[in-house]
Amino acid sequence: MDKKSFDEITTETLSHFLKTPFSIILGFCELLLSGIAGELNKQQRYYLEKMKDQIITADEFLNDYLDRIEMLLNTDLEKNHSINLTEILKDIFLVLYSKCEIDCILPDFEIPSSDIYIESKDEIHKGLFILISEFKELLCDNQILKLKLTEDDHSICIKIHSSNYTYSKPVDSLEKSVIFRTLKKLFLSSNIELENTSEGLVLTYVKR
């Protein structure tokens, strides 16, 4: 890819991210762009600084709000015997829109029409998979990021890869990054295995 086309794609992608209310995605972009920051032009650097400001907002959101979901999936589940994931999804997006500090274009996102319930702690992994499946529709709508989500009886695996370049950050740096902390909160568990592969970054939630 020549320099001109790279600049065009990167600038367009950065602009796209700044228009989405789903500020958590900026953690992903921060990780991807940090390895090529030296190649960014002045306009792209401006976007990157804007995005880093939004990452703080995303981090605050995660700390404040996803703790509440964790409580719902644990404490309230024992008391109420079931949790409506559809209502949680609606609530999440209302919070995301209100937290957004910039003008944004609302993404094409539809809350599931039928209510989704989980009724035991054994089903929590299924609930998390559904939540992440819904989120990934927002995360995939751009030219750089692609997510592959798979599930089996023992784990949920999310693969993040780029069609334009490979990752250069070592795993120990990734573990300290926004993306790692973001996904750790999103999965609501410390049972996460992280691997930096030729396909990109792989994070796996393993049921214990």
N, C-alpha and C. Protein backbone atom coordinates (compact mmCIF):
# COMPACT_ATOMS: atom_id res chain seq x y z
N MET A 1 0.84 -1.19 0.00
CA MET A 1 0.00 0.00 0.00
C MET A 1 0.87 1.24 0.00
N ASP A 2 0.62 2.17 -0.91
CA ASP A 2 1.45 3.36 -0.95
C ASP A 2 1.04 4.33 0.15
N LYS A 3 1.91 5.32 0.36
CA LYS A 3 1.71 6.26 1.47
C LYS A 3 0.39 7.02 1.35
N LYS A 4 0.06 7.43 0.13
CA LYS A 4 -1.15 8.22 -0.07
C LYS A 4 -2.39 7.44 0.33
N SER A 5 -2.52 6.21 -0.15
CA SER A 5 -3.71 5.42 0.17
C SER A 5 -3.76 5.08 1.66
N PHE A 6 -2.58 4.86 2.26
CA PHE A 6 -2.54 4.59 3.70
C PHE A 6 -3.07 5.80 4.47
N ASP A 7 -2.61 6.99 4.11
CA ASP A 7 -3.07 8.21 4.77
C ASP A 7 -4.58 8.38 4.64
N GLU A 8 -5.09 8.14 3.44
CA GLU A 8 -6.52 8.31 3.20
C GLU A 8 -7.33 7.37 4.06
N ILE A 9 -6.92 6.13 4.10
CA ILE A 9 -7.67 5.13 4.88
C ILE A 9 -7.59 5.45 6.36
N THR A 10 -6.40 5.78 6.86
CA THR A 10 -6.24 6.04 8.29
C THR A 10 -7.02 7.27 8.72
N THR A 11 -6.95 8.34 7.94
CA THR A 11 -7.68 9.56 8.28
C THR A 11 -9.18 9.31 8.27
N GLU A 12 -9.65 8.59 7.27
CA GLU A 12 -11.08 8.30 7.18
C GLU A 12 -11.53 7.46 8.36
N THR A 13 -10.70 6.50 8.75
CA THR A 13 -11.06 5.63 9.87
C THR A 13 -11.09 6.41 11.17
N LEU A 14 -10.10 7.27 11.39
CA LEU A 14 -10.08 8.10 12.59
C LEU A 14 -11.31 8.99 12.66
N SER A 15 -11.67 9.58 11.53
CA SER A 15 -12.85 10.43 11.47
C SER A 15 -14.10 9.63 11.83
N HIS A 16 -14.16 8.40 11.33
CA HIS A 16 -15.31 7.54 11.61
C HIS A 16 -15.43 7.27 13.10
N PHE A 17 -14.30 6.97 13.75
CA PHE A 17 -14.32 6.66 15.17
C PHE A 17 -14.81 7.84 16.00
N LEU A 18 -14.44 9.06 15.56
CA LEU A 18 -14.84 10.23 16.31
C LEU A 18 -16.33 10.50 16.22
N LYS A 19 -17.02 9.84 15.29
CA LYS A 19 -18.45 10.05 15.12
C LYS A 19 -19.29 9.00 15.82
N THR A 20 -18.66 8.02 16.41
CA THR A 20 -19.44 6.96 17.04
C THR A 20 -19.58 7.20 18.54
N PRO A 21 -20.74 6.93 19.11
CA PRO A 21 -20.92 7.08 20.54
C PRO A 21 -20.28 5.95 21.32
N PHE A 22 -19.89 4.90 20.62
CA PHE A 22 -19.32 3.75 21.31
C PHE A 22 -17.85 4.01 21.59
N SER A 23 -17.60 4.82 22.62
CA SER A 23 -16.24 5.32 22.84
C SER A 23 -15.26 4.23 23.24
N ILE A 24 -15.76 3.08 23.65
CA ILE A 24 -14.85 2.00 24.01
C ILE A 24 -13.99 1.59 22.82
N ILE A 25 -14.52 1.74 21.62
CA ILE A 25 -13.77 1.35 20.43
C ILE A 25 -12.48 2.15 20.30
N LEU A 26 -12.43 3.31 20.93
CA LEU A 26 -11.23 4.11 20.83
C LEU A 26 -10.06 3.45 21.53
N GLY A 27 -10.35 2.60 22.49
CA GLY A 27 -9.29 1.82 23.10
C GLY A 27 -8.65 0.88 22.10
N PHE A 28 -9.49 0.26 21.27
CA PHE A 28 -8.98 -0.60 20.22
C PHE A 28 -8.10 0.20 19.26
N CYS A 29 -8.60 1.36 18.87
CA CYS A 29 -7.89 2.16 17.88
C CYS A 29 -6.58 2.68 18.45
N GLU A 30 -6.57 3.02 19.72
CA GLU A 30 -5.34 3.49 20.35
C GLU A 30 -4.26 2.41 20.27
N LEU A 31 -4.66 1.18 20.50
CA LEU A 31 -3.71 0.07 20.42
C LEU A 31 -3.17 -0.08 19.00
N LEU A 32 -4.08 -0.07 18.04
CA LEU A 32 -3.69 -0.28 16.65
C LEU A 32 -2.77 0.83 16.14
N LEU A 33 -3.11 2.06 16.48
CA LEU A 33 -2.39 3.19 15.92
C LEU A 33 -1.08 3.48 16.63
N SER A 34 -0.94 3.02 17.88
CA SER A 34 0.27 3.34 18.62
C SER A 34 1.51 2.76 17.95
N GLY A 35 1.34 1.61 17.30
CA GLY A 35 2.47 0.98 16.65
C GLY A 35 2.91 1.69 15.38
N ILE A 36 2.05 2.55 14.83
CA ILE A 36 2.40 3.24 13.58
C ILE A 36 2.31 4.75 13.75
N ALA A 37 2.36 5.21 15.00
CA ALA A 37 2.17 6.64 15.27
C ALA A 37 3.20 7.49 14.53
N GLY A 38 4.38 6.96 14.34
CA GLY A 38 5.41 7.72 13.66
C GLY A 38 5.08 8.01 12.21
N GLU A 39 4.12 7.27 11.65
CA GLU A 39 3.77 7.45 10.25
C GLU A 39 2.56 8.37 10.07
N LEU A 40 1.97 8.83 11.15
CA LEU A 40 0.77 9.65 11.03
C LEU A 40 1.12 11.08 10.61
N ASN A 41 0.28 11.65 9.75
CA ASN A 41 0.49 13.04 9.38
C ASN A 41 -0.13 13.95 10.43
N LYS A 42 -0.03 15.27 10.23
CA LYS A 42 -0.47 16.22 11.24
C LYS A 42 -1.97 16.09 11.53
N GLN A 43 -2.77 15.91 10.48
CA GLN A 43 -4.20 15.79 10.68
C GLN A 43 -4.54 14.52 11.46
N GLN A 44 -3.86 13.44 11.15
CA GLN A 44 -4.12 12.18 11.84
C GLN A 44 -3.69 12.26 13.30
N ARG A 45 -2.56 12.95 13.55
CA ARG A 45 -2.13 13.12 14.93
C ARG A 45 -3.17 13.91 15.74
N TYR A 46 -3.79 14.89 15.08
CA TYR A 46 -4.86 15.67 15.73
C TYR A 46 -6.01 14.74 16.13
N TYR A 47 -6.43 13.87 15.21
CA TYR A 47 -7.49 12.92 15.51
C TYR A 47 -7.09 11.98 16.65
N LEU A 48 -5.83 11.55 16.62
CA LEU A 48 -5.37 10.62 17.64
C LEU A 48 -5.43 11.25 19.02
N GLU A 49 -5.03 12.52 19.14
CA GLU A 49 -5.11 13.21 20.42
C GLU A 49 -6.55 13.34 20.88
N LYS A 50 -7.46 13.63 19.94
CA LYS A 50 -8.88 13.71 20.26
C LYS A 50 -9.37 12.37 20.81
N MET A 51 -8.93 11.31 20.17
CA MET A 51 -9.36 9.98 20.56
C MET A 51 -8.86 9.62 21.94
N LYS A 52 -7.62 10.00 22.25
CA LYS A 52 -7.08 9.68 23.57
C LYS A 52 -7.88 10.36 24.67
N ASP A 53 -8.40 11.56 24.38
CA ASP A 53 -9.27 12.22 25.34
C ASP A 53 -10.53 11.39 25.56
N GLN A 54 -11.04 10.80 24.49
CA GLN A 54 -12.26 10.00 24.60
C GLN A 54 -12.02 8.67 25.30
N ILE A 55 -10.79 8.16 25.22
CA ILE A 55 -10.48 6.90 25.89
C ILE A 55 -10.68 7.04 27.39
N ILE A 56 -10.33 8.22 27.92
CA ILE A 56 -10.53 8.47 29.34
C ILE A 56 -12.02 8.35 29.68
N THR A 57 -12.85 8.93 28.81
CA THR A 57 -14.29 8.83 29.01
C THR A 57 -14.74 7.37 29.00
N ALA A 58 -14.20 6.60 28.05
CA ALA A 58 -14.57 5.19 27.95
C ALA A 58 -14.16 4.43 29.20
N ASP A 59 -12.96 4.75 29.71
CA ASP A 59 -12.46 4.06 30.88
C ASP A 59 -13.31 4.37 32.10
N GLU A 60 -13.71 5.64 32.24
CA GLU A 60 -14.57 6.02 33.35
C GLU A 60 -15.91 5.32 33.25
N PHE A 61 -16.42 5.23 32.03
CA PHE A 61 -17.69 4.54 31.80
C PHE A 61 -17.59 3.08 32.25
N LEU A 62 -16.51 2.43 31.87
CA LEU A 62 -16.33 1.02 32.21
C LEU A 62 -16.29 0.83 33.72
N ASN A 63 -15.49 1.66 34.37
CA ASN A 63 -15.35 1.53 35.81
C ASN A 63 -16.68 1.74 36.53
N ASP A 64 -17.45 2.73 36.07
CA ASP A 64 -18.69 3.09 36.75
C ASP A 64 -19.84 2.15 36.41
N TYR A 65 -19.92 1.76 35.13
CA TYR A 65 -21.14 1.11 34.68
C TYR A 65 -21.05 -0.41 34.60
N LEU A 66 -19.94 -0.93 34.13
CA LEU A 66 -19.87 -2.38 33.99
C LEU A 66 -19.79 -3.09 35.33
N ASP A 67 -19.35 -2.39 36.36
CA ASP A 67 -19.43 -2.96 37.71
C ASP A 67 -20.88 -3.26 38.07
N ARG A 68 -21.77 -2.40 37.60
CA ARG A 68 -23.20 -2.60 37.86
C ARG A 68 -23.71 -3.87 37.17
N ILE A 69 -23.24 -4.10 35.92
CA ILE A 69 -23.64 -5.30 35.21
C ILE A 69 -23.12 -6.54 35.93
N GLU A 70 -21.89 -6.44 36.42
CA GLU A 70 -21.32 -7.57 37.15
C GLU A 70 -22.17 -7.89 38.37
N MET A 71 -22.64 -6.85 39.04
CA MET A 71 -23.50 -7.06 40.20
C MET A 71 -24.81 -7.74 39.77
N LEU A 72 -25.37 -7.28 38.65
CA LEU A 72 -26.60 -7.88 38.15
C LEU A 72 -26.41 -9.37 37.82
N LEU A 73 -25.27 -9.66 37.19
CA LEU A 73 -25.03 -11.03 36.76
C LEU A 73 -24.67 -11.96 37.91
N ASN A 74 -24.39 -11.40 39.06
CA ASN A 74 -24.02 -12.23 40.21
C ASN A 74 -25.03 -12.10 41.36
N THR A 75 -24.99 -10.98 42.07
CA THR A 75 -25.83 -10.81 43.25
C THR A 75 -27.32 -10.84 42.91
N ASP A 76 -27.75 -10.00 41.97
CA ASP A 76 -29.17 -9.91 41.66
C ASP A 76 -29.71 -11.16 41.00
N LEU A 77 -28.83 -11.92 40.36
CA LEU A 77 -29.28 -13.16 39.74
C LEU A 77 -29.78 -14.14 40.81
N GLU A 78 -29.08 -14.19 41.92
CA GLU A 78 -29.49 -15.08 43.01
C GLU A 78 -30.83 -14.63 43.60
N LYS A 79 -31.02 -13.30 43.64
CA LYS A 79 -32.24 -12.77 44.26
C LYS A 79 -33.44 -12.84 43.32
N ASN A 80 -33.21 -12.49 42.05
CA ASN A 80 -34.32 -12.38 41.11
C ASN A 80 -34.51 -13.62 40.24
N HIS A 81 -33.53 -14.52 40.27
CA HIS A 81 -33.60 -15.79 39.54
C HIS A 81 -33.47 -15.67 38.03
N SER A 82 -33.55 -14.46 37.49
CA SER A 82 -33.33 -14.29 36.05
C SER A 82 -32.97 -12.84 35.78
N ILE A 83 -32.27 -12.63 34.67
CA ILE A 83 -31.87 -11.28 34.26
C ILE A 83 -32.24 -11.11 32.79
N ASN A 84 -32.82 -9.95 32.49
CA ASN A 84 -33.20 -9.66 31.11
C ASN A 84 -32.04 -8.93 30.42
N LEU A 85 -31.31 -9.66 29.57
CA LEU A 85 -30.16 -9.06 28.90
C LEU A 85 -30.57 -7.97 27.92
N THR A 86 -31.75 -8.09 27.36
CA THR A 86 -32.21 -7.07 26.41
C THR A 86 -32.33 -5.72 27.09
N GLU A 87 -32.85 -5.71 28.31
CA GLU A 87 -32.96 -4.46 29.05
C GLU A 87 -31.58 -3.90 29.38
N ILE A 88 -30.64 -4.79 29.70
CA ILE A 88 -29.28 -4.33 29.97
C ILE A 88 -28.69 -3.66 28.73
N LEU A 89 -28.91 -4.27 27.58
CA LEU A 89 -28.40 -3.70 26.33
C LEU A 89 -28.97 -2.30 26.09
N LYS A 90 -30.27 -2.16 26.28
CA LYS A 90 -30.90 -0.86 26.09
C LYS A 90 -30.29 0.17 27.03
N ASP A 91 -30.11 -0.24 28.27
CA ASP A 91 -29.56 0.65 29.28
C ASP A 91 -28.13 1.06 28.93
N ILE A 92 -27.34 0.09 28.47
CA ILE A 92 -25.96 0.37 28.10
C ILE A 92 -25.88 1.44 27.04
N PHE A 93 -26.69 1.32 26.01
CA PHE A 93 -26.58 2.26 24.91
C PHE A 93 -27.11 3.64 25.29
N LEU A 94 -28.09 3.70 26.15
CA LEU A 94 -28.52 5.00 26.65
C LEU A 94 -27.39 5.69 27.40
N VAL A 95 -26.67 4.92 28.21
CA VAL A 95 -25.54 5.48 28.95
C VAL A 95 -24.43 5.91 28.00
N LEU A 96 -24.15 5.08 27.00
CA LEU A 96 -23.09 5.42 26.04
C LEU A 96 -23.39 6.72 25.31
N TYR A 97 -24.65 6.88 24.89
CA TYR A 97 -25.01 8.10 24.17
C TYR A 97 -24.87 9.33 25.08
N SER A 98 -25.28 9.19 26.33
CA SER A 98 -25.21 10.32 27.24
C SER A 98 -23.78 10.64 27.63
N LYS A 99 -22.88 9.64 27.60
CA LYS A 99 -21.49 9.85 27.96
C LYS A 99 -20.69 10.49 26.82
N CYS A 100 -21.21 10.39 25.61
CA CYS A 100 -20.45 10.86 24.45
C CYS A 100 -20.30 12.38 24.51
N GLU A 101 -19.07 12.86 24.43
CA GLU A 101 -18.79 14.29 24.57
C GLU A 101 -18.72 15.01 23.24
N ILE A 102 -18.90 14.31 22.14
CA ILE A 102 -18.81 14.94 20.82
C ILE A 102 -20.06 14.61 20.03
N ASP A 103 -20.35 15.44 19.03
CA ASP A 103 -21.48 15.15 18.16
C ASP A 103 -21.23 13.83 17.45
N CYS A 104 -22.26 13.02 17.36
CA CYS A 104 -22.04 11.70 16.81
C CYS A 104 -23.19 11.29 15.89
N ILE A 105 -22.88 10.36 15.02
CA ILE A 105 -23.89 9.75 14.17
C ILE A 105 -24.27 8.42 14.81
N LEU A 106 -25.53 8.27 15.14
CA LEU A 106 -25.94 7.03 15.78
C LEU A 106 -25.76 5.86 14.81
N PRO A 107 -25.15 4.78 15.26
CA PRO A 107 -24.91 3.64 14.37
C PRO A 107 -26.20 2.89 14.09
N ASP A 108 -26.17 2.10 13.04
CA ASP A 108 -27.31 1.24 12.74
C ASP A 108 -27.27 0.05 13.69
N PHE A 109 -27.98 0.18 14.77
CA PHE A 109 -27.96 -0.87 15.79
C PHE A 109 -29.38 -1.13 16.25
N GLU A 110 -29.75 -2.39 16.24
CA GLU A 110 -31.10 -2.76 16.66
C GLU A 110 -31.02 -3.63 17.91
N ILE A 111 -31.71 -3.19 18.94
CA ILE A 111 -31.83 -4.02 20.13
C ILE A 111 -32.65 -5.26 19.76
N PRO A 112 -32.26 -6.44 20.23
CA PRO A 112 -33.05 -7.64 19.91
C PRO A 112 -34.52 -7.44 20.22
N SER A 113 -35.37 -7.86 19.32
CA SER A 113 -36.80 -7.65 19.49
C SER A 113 -37.38 -8.51 20.59
N SER A 114 -36.85 -9.70 20.76
CA SER A 114 -37.33 -10.59 21.81
C SER A 114 -36.42 -10.50 23.03
N ASP A 115 -37.01 -10.59 24.20
CA ASP A 115 -36.23 -10.51 25.43
C ASP A 115 -35.35 -11.75 25.59
N ILE A 116 -34.13 -11.52 26.05
CA ILE A 116 -33.18 -12.61 26.27
C ILE A 116 -32.94 -12.71 27.77
N TYR A 117 -33.17 -13.87 28.33
CA TYR A 117 -33.01 -14.07 29.76
C TYR A 117 -31.91 -15.09 30.05
N ILE A 118 -31.20 -14.87 31.16
CA ILE A 118 -30.37 -15.93 31.71
C ILE A 118 -30.90 -16.22 33.10
N GLU A 119 -30.90 -17.48 33.47
CA GLU A 119 -31.59 -17.88 34.70
C GLU A 119 -30.69 -18.60 35.70
N SER A 120 -29.41 -18.71 35.41
CA SER A 120 -28.50 -19.32 36.38
C SER A 120 -27.09 -18.85 36.10
N LYS A 121 -26.22 -19.02 37.10
CA LYS A 121 -24.84 -18.60 36.91
C LYS A 121 -24.16 -19.42 35.82
N ASP A 122 -24.65 -20.62 35.60
CA ASP A 122 -24.08 -21.45 34.53
C ASP A 122 -24.33 -20.83 33.16
N GLU A 123 -25.30 -19.92 33.06
CA GLU A 123 -25.64 -19.31 31.78
C GLU A 123 -24.98 -17.94 31.60
N ILE A 124 -24.18 -17.52 32.57
CA ILE A 124 -23.58 -16.20 32.47
C ILE A 124 -22.69 -16.11 31.23
N HIS A 125 -21.94 -17.18 30.93
CA HIS A 125 -21.07 -17.12 29.76
C HIS A 125 -21.90 -16.94 28.49
N LYS A 126 -23.11 -17.53 28.47
CA LYS A 126 -23.98 -17.36 27.31
C LYS A 126 -24.45 -15.90 27.21
N GLY A 127 -24.75 -15.32 28.36
CA GLY A 127 -25.18 -13.93 28.38
C GLY A 127 -24.09 -12.99 27.90
N LEU A 128 -22.85 -13.24 28.36
CA LEU A 128 -21.73 -12.43 27.92
C LEU A 128 -21.51 -12.56 26.41
N PHE A 129 -21.66 -13.76 25.91
CA PHE A 129 -21.48 -13.99 24.48
C PHE A 129 -22.51 -13.20 23.68
N ILE A 130 -23.75 -13.19 24.17
CA ILE A 130 -24.80 -12.43 23.48
C ILE A 130 -24.49 -10.94 23.51
N LEU A 131 -24.08 -10.44 24.66
CA LEU A 131 -23.75 -9.02 24.77
C LEU A 131 -22.64 -8.64 23.81
N ILE A 132 -21.58 -9.44 23.79
CA ILE A 132 -20.44 -9.13 22.93
C ILE A 132 -20.82 -9.27 21.47
N SER A 133 -21.68 -10.24 21.16
CA SER A 133 -22.15 -10.40 19.78
C SER A 133 -22.87 -9.15 19.31
N GLU A 134 -23.65 -8.55 20.20
CA GLU A 134 -24.35 -7.32 19.84
C GLU A 134 -23.35 -6.17 19.67
N PHE A 135 -22.38 -6.07 20.58
CA PHE A 135 -21.40 -5.00 20.50
C PHE A 135 -20.59 -5.07 19.21
N LYS A 136 -20.28 -6.28 18.77
CA LYS A 136 -19.33 -6.40 17.66
C LYS A 136 -19.87 -5.81 16.37
N GLU A 137 -21.20 -5.66 16.27
CA GLU A 137 -21.75 -5.04 15.07
C GLU A 137 -21.26 -3.61 14.93
N LEU A 138 -21.05 -2.94 16.06
CA LEU A 138 -20.52 -1.58 16.03
C LEU A 138 -19.02 -1.59 15.79
N LEU A 139 -18.34 -2.58 16.33
CA LEU A 139 -16.89 -2.61 16.25
C LEU A 139 -16.38 -2.98 14.86
N CYS A 140 -17.21 -3.61 14.05
CA CYS A 140 -16.75 -4.10 12.75
C CYS A 140 -16.98 -3.12 11.62
N ASP A 141 -17.72 -2.05 11.85
CA ASP A 141 -18.12 -1.18 10.76
C ASP A 141 -17.05 -0.14 10.44
N ASN A 142 -15.89 -0.57 10.01
CA ASN A 142 -14.84 0.34 9.58
C ASN A 142 -13.84 -0.42 8.72
N GLN A 143 -12.84 0.28 8.24
CA GLN A 143 -11.93 -0.32 7.26
C GLN A 143 -10.73 -1.03 7.87
N ILE A 144 -10.48 -0.84 9.14
CA ILE A 144 -9.29 -1.45 9.73
C ILE A 144 -9.62 -2.61 10.64
N LEU A 145 -10.56 -2.40 11.56
CA LEU A 145 -10.82 -3.44 12.56
C LEU A 145 -11.77 -4.51 12.07
N LYS A 146 -11.42 -5.74 12.35
CA LYS A 146 -12.32 -6.85 12.09
C LYS A 146 -12.31 -7.74 13.34
N LEU A 147 -13.45 -8.23 13.72
CA LEU A 147 -13.53 -9.10 14.88
C LEU A 147 -14.06 -10.47 14.47
N LYS A 148 -13.48 -11.49 15.03
CA LYS A 148 -13.98 -12.84 14.82
C LYS A 148 -14.35 -13.40 16.19
N LEU A 149 -15.59 -13.76 16.35
CA LEU A 149 -16.09 -14.21 17.64
C LEU A 149 -16.50 -15.67 17.53
N THR A 150 -15.96 -16.51 18.38
CA THR A 150 -16.29 -17.93 18.36
C THR A 150 -16.61 -18.40 19.78
N GLU A 151 -17.37 -19.47 19.87
CA GLU A 151 -17.76 -20.01 21.17
C GLU A 151 -17.74 -21.52 21.13
N ASP A 152 -17.28 -22.13 22.21
CA ASP A 152 -17.43 -23.57 22.37
C ASP A 152 -17.88 -23.82 23.81
N ASP A 153 -17.79 -25.06 24.27
CA ASP A 153 -18.31 -25.38 25.59
C ASP A 153 -17.46 -24.80 26.72
N HIS A 154 -16.25 -24.40 26.40
CA HIS A 154 -15.34 -24.00 27.47
C HIS A 154 -14.83 -22.57 27.37
N SER A 155 -15.04 -21.91 26.26
CA SER A 155 -14.45 -20.58 26.14
C SER A 155 -15.18 -19.72 25.11
N ILE A 156 -14.95 -18.43 25.22
CA ILE A 156 -15.39 -17.46 24.23
C ILE A 156 -14.13 -16.78 23.72
N CYS A 157 -13.93 -16.75 22.43
CA CYS A 157 -12.70 -16.22 21.87
C CYS A 157 -13.00 -15.04 20.95
N ILE A 158 -12.31 -13.94 21.15
CA ILE A 158 -12.47 -12.78 20.30
C ILE A 158 -11.12 -12.48 19.64
N LYS A 159 -11.08 -12.48 18.31
CA LYS A 159 -9.85 -12.23 17.57
C LYS A 159 -9.95 -10.86 16.89
N ILE A 160 -8.93 -10.06 17.06
CA ILE A 160 -8.91 -8.73 16.49
C ILE A 160 -7.76 -8.69 15.49
N HIS A 161 -8.04 -8.40 14.25
CA HIS A 161 -6.96 -8.35 13.28
C HIS A 161 -7.15 -7.20 12.32
N SER A 162 -6.10 -6.87 11.60
CA SER A 162 -6.10 -5.75 10.68
C SER A 162 -5.83 -6.24 9.27
N SER A 163 -6.53 -5.65 8.31
CA SER A 163 -6.32 -6.02 6.92
C SER A 163 -5.17 -5.23 6.31
N ASN A 164 -4.66 -4.25 7.05
CA ASN A 164 -3.67 -3.34 6.47
C ASN A 164 -2.26 -3.49 7.03
N TYR A 165 -2.12 -3.95 8.26
CA TYR A 165 -0.79 -4.09 8.82
C TYR A 165 -0.85 -5.02 10.03
N THR A 166 0.29 -5.42 10.53
CA THR A 166 0.35 -6.36 11.65
C THR A 166 0.70 -5.61 12.93
N TYR A 167 0.52 -6.25 14.07
CA TYR A 167 0.82 -5.64 15.34
C TYR A 167 2.30 -5.67 15.63
N SER A 168 2.77 -4.66 16.31
CA SER A 168 4.19 -4.61 16.65
C SER A 168 4.42 -4.57 18.16
N LYS A 169 3.36 -4.39 18.92
CA LYS A 169 3.52 -4.29 20.36
C LYS A 169 3.68 -5.68 20.99
N PRO A 170 4.61 -5.84 21.93
CA PRO A 170 4.74 -7.13 22.62
C PRO A 170 3.58 -7.36 23.56
N VAL A 171 3.39 -8.62 23.94
CA VAL A 171 2.24 -8.98 24.78
C VAL A 171 2.28 -8.26 26.12
N ASP A 172 3.47 -8.10 26.72
CA ASP A 172 3.51 -7.48 28.04
C ASP A 172 3.03 -6.03 27.98
N SER A 173 3.21 -5.35 26.84
CA SER A 173 2.68 -4.00 26.69
C SER A 173 1.17 -4.03 26.48
N LEU A 174 0.70 -5.02 25.74
CA LEU A 174 -0.73 -5.13 25.48
C LEU A 174 -1.50 -5.34 26.78
N GLU A 175 -0.91 -6.09 27.71
CA GLU A 175 -1.60 -6.39 28.95
C GLU A 175 -1.83 -5.14 29.79
N LYS A 176 -1.04 -4.10 29.55
CA LYS A 176 -1.18 -2.86 30.30
C LYS A 176 -2.00 -1.83 29.53
N SER A 177 -2.47 -2.19 28.36
CA SER A 177 -3.11 -1.22 27.48
C SER A 177 -4.59 -1.05 27.79
N VAL A 178 -5.17 -0.03 27.17
CA VAL A 178 -6.59 0.25 27.34
C VAL A 178 -7.44 -0.92 26.84
N ILE A 179 -7.04 -1.50 25.74
CA ILE A 179 -7.85 -2.59 25.17
C ILE A 179 -7.95 -3.76 26.14
N PHE A 180 -6.84 -4.08 26.80
CA PHE A 180 -6.86 -5.22 27.71
C PHE A 180 -7.75 -4.95 28.90
N ARG A 181 -7.61 -3.76 29.48
CA ARG A 181 -8.44 -3.42 30.63
C ARG A 181 -9.91 -3.30 30.23
N THR A 182 -10.15 -2.80 29.02
CA THR A 182 -11.52 -2.68 28.54
C THR A 182 -12.18 -4.04 28.40
N LEU A 183 -11.50 -4.96 27.72
CA LEU A 183 -12.08 -6.28 27.52
C LEU A 183 -12.19 -7.04 28.84
N LYS A 184 -11.25 -6.80 29.73
CA LYS A 184 -11.32 -7.48 31.02
C LYS A 184 -12.58 -7.06 31.77
N LYS A 185 -12.90 -5.77 31.70
CA LYS A 185 -14.13 -5.29 32.30
C LYS A 185 -15.35 -5.82 31.56
N LEU A 186 -15.26 -5.85 30.23
CA LEU A 186 -16.39 -6.29 29.43
C LEU A 186 -16.72 -7.75 29.71
N PHE A 187 -15.68 -8.56 29.86
CA PHE A 187 -15.91 -9.97 30.17
C PHE A 187 -16.28 -10.17 31.63
N LEU A 188 -16.06 -9.15 32.48
CA LEU A 188 -16.41 -9.22 33.89
C LEU A 188 -15.74 -10.39 34.58
N SER A 189 -14.54 -10.67 34.22
CA SER A 189 -13.85 -11.83 34.80
C SER A 189 -12.36 -11.68 34.61
N SER A 190 -11.59 -12.30 35.49
CA SER A 190 -10.14 -12.34 35.29
C SER A 190 -9.73 -13.57 34.50
N ASN A 191 -10.70 -14.38 34.10
CA ASN A 191 -10.40 -15.62 33.38
C ASN A 191 -10.16 -15.33 31.90
N ILE A 192 -9.20 -14.48 31.63
CA ILE A 192 -8.91 -14.10 30.25
C ILE A 192 -7.49 -14.50 29.88
N GLU A 193 -7.37 -15.21 28.79
CA GLU A 193 -6.07 -15.57 28.26
C GLU A 193 -5.79 -14.69 27.05
N LEU A 194 -4.61 -14.08 27.02
CA LEU A 194 -4.26 -13.15 25.96
C LEU A 194 -3.07 -13.69 25.17
N GLU A 195 -3.17 -13.61 23.85
CA GLU A 195 -2.09 -14.09 22.99
C GLU A 195 -1.92 -13.16 21.80
N ASN A 196 -0.68 -12.86 21.46
CA ASN A 196 -0.37 -12.02 20.31
C ASN A 196 0.09 -12.94 19.18
N THR A 197 -0.75 -13.15 18.18
CA THR A 197 -0.46 -14.11 17.13
C THR A 197 -0.25 -13.42 15.79
N SER A 198 0.08 -14.22 14.79
CA SER A 198 0.27 -13.68 13.45
C SER A 198 -1.04 -13.14 12.88
N GLU A 199 -2.17 -13.62 13.41
CA GLU A 199 -3.48 -13.15 12.98
C GLU A 199 -3.89 -11.88 13.69
N GLY A 200 -3.19 -11.53 14.77
CA GLY A 200 -3.56 -10.36 15.55
C GLY A 200 -3.67 -10.71 17.02
N LEU A 201 -4.36 -9.88 17.74
CA LEU A 201 -4.52 -10.07 19.17
C LEU A 201 -5.67 -11.03 19.45
N VAL A 202 -5.44 -12.03 20.29
CA VAL A 202 -6.47 -13.01 20.62
C VAL A 202 -6.70 -12.99 22.13
N LEU A 203 -7.92 -12.73 22.53
CA LEU A 203 -8.29 -12.79 23.94
C LEU A 203 -9.36 -13.85 24.10
N THR A 204 -9.17 -14.74 25.05
CA THR A 204 -10.11 -15.83 25.25
C THR A 204 -10.62 -15.82 26.69
N TYR A 205 -11.92 -15.82 26.84
CA TYR A 205 -12.55 -15.95 28.15
C TYR A 205 -12.77 -17.44 28.39
N VAL A 206 -12.19 -17.97 29.46
CA VAL A 206 -12.26 -19.40 29.72
C VAL A 206 -13.15 -19.64 30.93
N LYS A 207 -14.15 -20.48 30.76
CA LYS A 207 -15.01 -20.85 31.88
C LYS A 207 -14.22 -21.73 32.84
N ARG A 208 -14.32 -21.42 34.12
CA ARG A 208 -13.61 -22.22 35.13
C ARG A 208 -14.55 -23.22 35.77
